[in-house]
């Protein structure tokens, strides 16, 4: 599946500790290195063509933020509030986001690679052109999501909730979905691809023994 990568029109400028300063700020063509955003209020902030390396966003308020052409590498997003934000052409690599709240956000051309997003909240998110690779989403809330052109490879969805999230066209055969929550009739899995072992476990959850 083809996903558009972040595009930078010019060389990025090293960011200073003072940027962005606060709410409704805008940052463009900047490289944030080991910047501490933890606990800061950056609601409605706009980041265009920015890279974040080893930055700390833990418990920051980034609700209604806008990220376009952005790269996150080895960042800590744990506990951050990112609800109702917009992500376009973004890449998360080796990031930690335990308990991060992305609820009601939209993602277009987004890649998640080797990240730890256990207990993260993706409730009611819209994902169009998203790829999850070797990412831990155990206990994540992925209810009521709208997925289009979304792929997952070698991910952990242990005890994640997919209630009312149609997974048609999604290949889950390389993923760990043990204990994941679906509707009683497994309607979310209609049109999805699962392995024989996964199918047997799902049938057992319905009280059907498959040998």
Protein backbone atom coordinates (compact mmCIF):
# COMPACT_ATOMS: atom_id res chain seq x y z
CA UNK A 1 0.00 0.00 0.00
CA UNK A 2 1.40 3.37 -1.03
CA UNK A 3 1.46 6.11 1.58
CA UNK A 4 2.74 9.56 0.79
CA UNK A 5 5.78 10.48 2.87
CA UNK A 6 6.35 13.85 4.55
CA UNK A 7 7.71 16.43 2.12
CA UNK A 8 10.08 19.23 3.06
CA UNK A 9 10.37 22.12 0.61
CA UNK A 10 13.53 23.49 2.22
CA UNK A 11 16.22 22.57 4.73
CA UNK A 12 14.87 22.56 8.26
CA UNK A 13 16.04 25.22 10.72
CA UNK A 14 16.97 24.15 14.27
CA UNK A 15 14.21 25.29 16.63
CA UNK A 16 14.93 27.42 19.66
CA UNK A 17 13.52 26.64 23.12
CA UNK A 18 11.10 29.56 22.73
CA UNK A 19 9.27 28.20 19.68
CA UNK A 20 6.42 27.53 19.54
CA UNK A 21 5.57 29.79 22.45
CA UNK A 22 2.01 28.78 23.28
CA UNK A 23 -1.55 28.34 22.15
CA UNK A 24 -2.47 29.04 18.53
CA UNK A 25 1.22 29.19 17.56
CA UNK A 26 2.55 28.14 14.18
CA UNK A 27 5.84 26.43 13.39
CA UNK A 28 7.13 25.85 9.88
CA UNK A 29 10.28 24.20 8.49
CA UNK A 30 11.76 23.60 11.95
CA UNK A 31 13.67 20.72 13.50
CA UNK A 32 12.94 20.23 17.19
CA UNK A 33 15.69 18.24 18.91
CA UNK A 34 15.15 17.00 22.48
CA UNK A 35 12.62 19.80 23.02
CA UNK A 36 10.54 19.53 26.19
CA UNK A 37 6.85 20.16 25.45
CA UNK A 38 5.69 18.16 28.48
CA UNK A 39 2.65 19.62 30.18
CA UNK A 40 2.52 22.62 27.84
CA UNK A 41 -0.67 23.98 26.33
CA UNK A 42 -0.35 23.95 22.56
CA UNK A 43 -3.99 23.57 21.62
CA UNK A 44 -4.74 24.60 18.03
CA UNK A 45 -1.03 24.84 17.24
CA UNK A 46 -0.02 24.34 13.60
CA UNK A 47 3.14 22.47 12.58
CA UNK A 48 4.05 22.40 8.90
CA UNK A 49 7.14 20.65 7.53
CA UNK A 50 8.62 19.94 10.95
CA UNK A 51 10.72 17.16 12.42
CA UNK A 52 10.69 16.14 16.08
CA UNK A 53 13.60 14.08 17.36
CA UNK A 54 13.69 12.72 20.93
CA UNK A 55 11.14 15.33 22.06
CA UNK A 56 8.96 15.03 25.16
CA UNK A 57 5.23 15.68 24.60
CA UNK A 58 4.06 13.80 27.70
CA UNK A 59 0.85 15.22 29.15
CA UNK A 60 0.90 18.15 26.73
CA UNK A 61 -2.36 19.67 25.49
CA UNK A 62 -2.35 19.55 21.69
CA UNK A 63 -6.07 19.30 21.07
CA UNK A 64 -7.21 20.58 17.68
CA UNK A 65 -3.60 20.79 16.51
CA UNK A 66 -2.64 20.48 12.86
CA UNK A 67 0.40 18.51 11.67
CA UNK A 68 1.27 18.52 7.97
CA UNK A 69 4.46 16.88 6.62
CA UNK A 70 5.83 15.98 10.05
CA UNK A 71 8.24 13.35 11.34
CA UNK A 72 8.34 12.11 14.95
CA UNK A 73 11.37 10.02 15.90
CA UNK A 74 11.94 8.53 19.39
CA UNK A 75 9.48 11.00 20.93
CA UNK A 76 7.48 10.50 24.15
CA UNK A 77 3.81 11.32 23.59
CA UNK A 78 2.53 9.45 26.64
CA UNK A 79 -0.60 10.95 28.16
CA UNK A 80 -0.72 13.76 25.61
CA UNK A 81 -4.11 15.20 24.64
CA UNK A 82 -4.29 15.21 20.84
CA UNK A 83 -8.02 14.85 20.37
CA UNK A 84 -9.64 16.36 17.27
CA UNK A 85 -6.25 16.96 15.66
CA UNK A 86 -5.37 16.61 11.99
CA UNK A 87 -2.36 14.62 10.72
CA UNK A 88 -1.40 14.71 7.03
CA UNK A 89 1.70 12.98 5.68
CA UNK A 90 3.18 12.13 9.06
CA UNK A 91 5.52 9.42 10.29
CA UNK A 92 5.97 8.15 13.86
CA UNK A 93 9.11 6.02 14.37
CA UNK A 94 10.08 4.37 17.67
CA UNK A 95 7.79 6.71 19.60
CA UNK A 96 6.21 6.05 23.00
CA UNK A 97 2.58 7.06 23.42
CA UNK A 98 1.17 5.12 26.36
CA UNK A 99 -2.30 6.47 27.10
CA UNK A 100 -2.11 9.19 24.44
CA UNK A 101 -5.51 10.57 23.42
CA UNK A 102 -6.01 10.84 19.65
CA UNK A 103 -9.81 10.57 19.82
CA UNK A 104 -11.79 12.11 16.95
CA UNK A 105 -8.60 12.93 15.05
CA UNK A 106 -8.06 12.43 11.34
CA UNK A 107 -5.03 10.77 9.75
CA UNK A 108 -4.19 10.81 6.07
CA UNK A 109 -0.98 9.17 4.84
CA UNK A 110 0.28 8.27 8.31
CA UNK A 111 2.89 5.65 9.21
CA UNK A 112 3.50 4.19 12.67
CA UNK A 113 6.72 2.17 12.87
CA UNK A 114 7.99 0.32 15.96
CA UNK A 115 5.96 2.48 18.33
CA UNK A 116 4.47 1.74 21.76
CA UNK A 117 0.90 3.05 21.93
CA UNK A 118 -0.61 0.73 24.52
CA UNK A 119 -3.76 2.13 26.17
CA UNK A 120 -3.90 4.90 23.54
CA UNK A 121 -7.29 6.32 22.60
CA UNK A 122 -8.12 6.31 18.87
CA UNK A 123 -11.87 6.37 19.46
CA UNK A 124 -13.85 7.79 16.50
CA UNK A 125 -10.72 8.50 14.44
CA UNK A 126 -10.71 8.69 10.66
CA UNK A 127 -7.72 6.94 9.06
CA UNK A 128 -7.20 7.14 5.31
CA UNK A 129 -3.94 5.68 4.12
CA UNK A 130 -2.47 4.58 7.44
CA UNK A 131 0.13 1.88 8.08
CA UNK A 132 0.96 0.34 11.47
CA UNK A 133 4.16 -1.71 11.52
CA UNK A 134 5.61 -3.54 14.55
CA UNK A 135 3.61 -1.27 16.83
CA UNK A 136 2.16 -2.15 20.24
CA UNK A 137 -1.50 -1.11 20.52
CA UNK A 138 -2.40 -3.41 23.39
CA UNK A 139 -5.49 -2.27 25.32
CA UNK A 140 -5.93 0.58 22.82
CA UNK A 141 -9.38 2.03 22.19
CA UNK A 142 -10.07 1.82 18.46
CA UNK A 143 -13.84 1.92 18.62
CA UNK A 144 -16.05 3.67 16.06
CA UNK A 145 -13.15 4.32 13.69
CA UNK A 146 -13.49 4.83 9.94
CA UNK A 147 -10.66 3.00 8.18
CA UNK A 148 -9.74 3.32 4.52
CA UNK A 149 -6.58 1.91 2.93
CA UNK A 150 -5.25 0.97 6.36
CA UNK A 151 -2.69 -1.80 6.91
CA UNK A 152 -1.20 -3.48 9.97
CA UNK A 153 1.89 -5.70 10.05
CA UNK A 154 3.31 -7.50 13.10
CA UNK A 155 1.36 -5.32 15.51
CA UNK A 156 0.06 -6.13 18.99
CA UNK A 157 -3.66 -5.52 19.45
CA UNK A 158 -3.98 -7.60 22.61
CA UNK A 159 -7.24 -6.67 24.36
CA UNK A 160 -7.71 -3.67 22.08
CA UNK A 161 -11.31 -2.66 21.38
CA UNK A 162 -12.55 -2.57 17.78
CA UNK A 163 -16.23 -2.23 18.65
CA UNK A 164 -18.12 -0.87 15.61
CA UNK A 165 -14.93 -0.34 13.60
CA UNK A 166 -15.30 -2.12 10.23
CA UNK A 167 -12.05 -3.92 9.35
CA UNK A 168 -12.99 -4.92 5.81
CA UNK A 169 -9.87 -5.25 3.67
CA UNK A 170 -7.50 -5.20 6.66
CA UNK A 171 -4.97 -8.04 6.87
CA UNK A 172 -4.47 -9.03 10.50
CA UNK A 173 -2.73 -12.37 9.92
CA UNK A 174 0.67 -11.20 11.23
CA UNK A 175 -0.84 -9.36 14.21
CA UNK A 176 -1.59 -10.43 17.76
CA UNK A 177 -5.32 -9.89 18.37
CA UNK A 178 -5.64 -12.10 21.45
CA UNK A 179 -8.41 -10.84 23.69
CA UNK A 180 -9.39 -8.03 21.31
CA UNK A 181 -12.99 -6.86 21.68
CA UNK A 182 -15.53 -7.02 18.86
CA UNK A 183 -19.32 -7.13 18.65
CA UNK A 184 -20.94 -10.38 19.73
CA UNK A 185 -21.37 -11.46 16.09
CA UNK A 186 -17.83 -10.32 15.08
CA UNK A 187 -19.37 -8.04 12.46
CA UNK A 188 -16.28 -5.81 12.48
CA UNK A 189 -14.21 -8.66 11.00
CA UNK A 190 -16.38 -9.13 7.91
CA UNK A 191 -14.06 -8.87 4.91
CA UNK A 192 -10.89 -8.84 7.04
CA UNK A 193 -8.11 -11.41 6.71
CA UNK A 194 -7.23 -13.54 9.74
CA UNK A 195 -5.10 -16.66 10.15
CA UNK A 196 -6.52 -20.10 10.90
CA UNK A 197 -5.28 -19.87 14.49
CA UNK A 198 -6.88 -16.46 14.91
CA UNK A 199 -10.13 -17.72 13.41
CA UNK A 200 -10.16 -20.68 15.81
CA UNK A 201 -9.65 -18.38 18.80
CA UNK A 202 -12.44 -16.09 17.63
CA UNK A 203 -14.79 -19.03 17.22
CA UNK A 204 -13.96 -20.22 20.74
CA UNK A 205 -14.85 -16.77 22.00
CA UNK A 206 -18.28 -17.38 20.46
CA UNK A 207 -18.52 -20.72 22.24
CA UNK A 208 -17.74 -22.76 19.13
CA UNK A 209 -15.04 -25.43 19.26
CA UNK A 210 -13.06 -25.63 16.02
CA UNK A 211 -10.68 -28.54 15.58
